[in-house]
Protein backbone atom coordinates (compact mmCIF):
# COMPACT_ATOMS: atom_id res chain seq x y z
CA MET A 1 153.05 95.18 -146.47
CA GLY A 2 153.28 93.08 -149.60
CA PRO A 3 155.82 90.97 -151.65
CA THR A 4 158.32 92.85 -153.89
CA ARG A 5 159.64 91.83 -157.23
CA PHE A 6 163.22 91.80 -156.00
CA ILE A 7 165.28 90.58 -152.99
CA SER A 8 166.73 93.51 -151.07
CA GLY A 9 168.53 93.96 -147.83
CA SER A 10 170.42 91.51 -145.66
CA ALA A 11 169.07 92.66 -142.32
CA GLY A 12 166.99 90.26 -140.74
CA PHE A 13 166.44 86.54 -141.77
CA GLY A 14 164.05 84.22 -143.68
CA TYR A 15 161.83 86.33 -146.00
CA ASP A 16 162.65 89.76 -144.59
CA PRO A 17 164.44 90.94 -147.74
CA LEU A 18 161.21 89.54 -149.98
CA PHE A 19 158.65 91.94 -148.16
CA GLU A 20 158.26 95.47 -148.97
CA ILE A 21 156.92 97.86 -146.32
CA VAL A 22 155.24 100.26 -148.68
CA GLU A 23 155.08 103.12 -146.59
CA TYR A 24 158.67 103.12 -146.05
CA HIS A 25 159.76 102.09 -149.70
CA ARG A 26 161.95 99.43 -148.39
CA THR A 27 161.75 95.82 -147.63
CA PHE A 28 162.02 94.27 -144.06
CA GLY A 29 165.51 93.28 -144.81
CA GLU A 30 166.57 96.93 -145.31
CA LEU A 31 165.15 98.38 -142.22
CA GLY A 32 167.01 98.31 -138.79
CA PRO A 33 165.92 96.84 -135.56
CA ALA A 34 164.28 99.98 -134.35
CA ALA A 35 161.93 100.17 -137.33
CA LYS A 36 161.03 96.47 -137.14
CA THR A 37 160.25 96.77 -133.70
CA CYS A 38 157.62 99.17 -134.15
CA LEU A 39 156.19 97.64 -137.34
CA SER A 40 156.21 94.03 -136.18
CA HIS A 41 153.03 92.01 -135.58
CA ARG A 42 154.07 91.50 -131.85
CA ALA A 43 154.27 95.49 -131.62
CA ARG A 44 150.89 95.99 -133.03
CA ALA A 45 149.52 93.38 -130.91
CA MET A 46 150.76 94.98 -127.64
CA HIS A 47 149.53 98.48 -128.74
CA ALA A 48 146.15 96.98 -129.44
CA ILE A 49 145.89 95.17 -126.14
CA LEU A 50 147.37 97.72 -123.54
CA PRO A 51 144.19 99.76 -123.63
CA LEU A 52 142.17 96.77 -122.66
CA ILE A 53 144.66 95.76 -119.84
CA GLU A 54 144.38 99.30 -118.45
CA GLU A 55 140.75 99.08 -118.40
CA LEU A 56 140.83 95.92 -116.63
CA ILE A 57 143.25 97.13 -114.03
CA GLY A 58 141.20 100.41 -113.72
CA SER A 59 137.84 98.36 -113.21
CA GLY A 60 139.31 96.45 -110.51
CA GLU A 61 138.38 93.33 -112.31
CA TRP A 62 142.06 92.31 -113.02
CA GLY A 63 143.15 89.33 -110.88
CA THR A 64 139.61 88.66 -109.48
CA ARG A 65 138.98 85.59 -111.23
CA GLY A 66 140.57 82.11 -110.79
């Protein structure tokens, strides 16, 4: 993701129309909610942490501290 030269799109808020998602050839402001949900930093964080949570649950260590 990087800055574009032009403001494009009215979806979203803030700087969404300024940042291009290179793989989509669109700005964040041009993408719909479904695409934004998949591409967001929150979604990426959840995808990264879920295997770790599953591993903790599977190991029996989940909830044993504290």
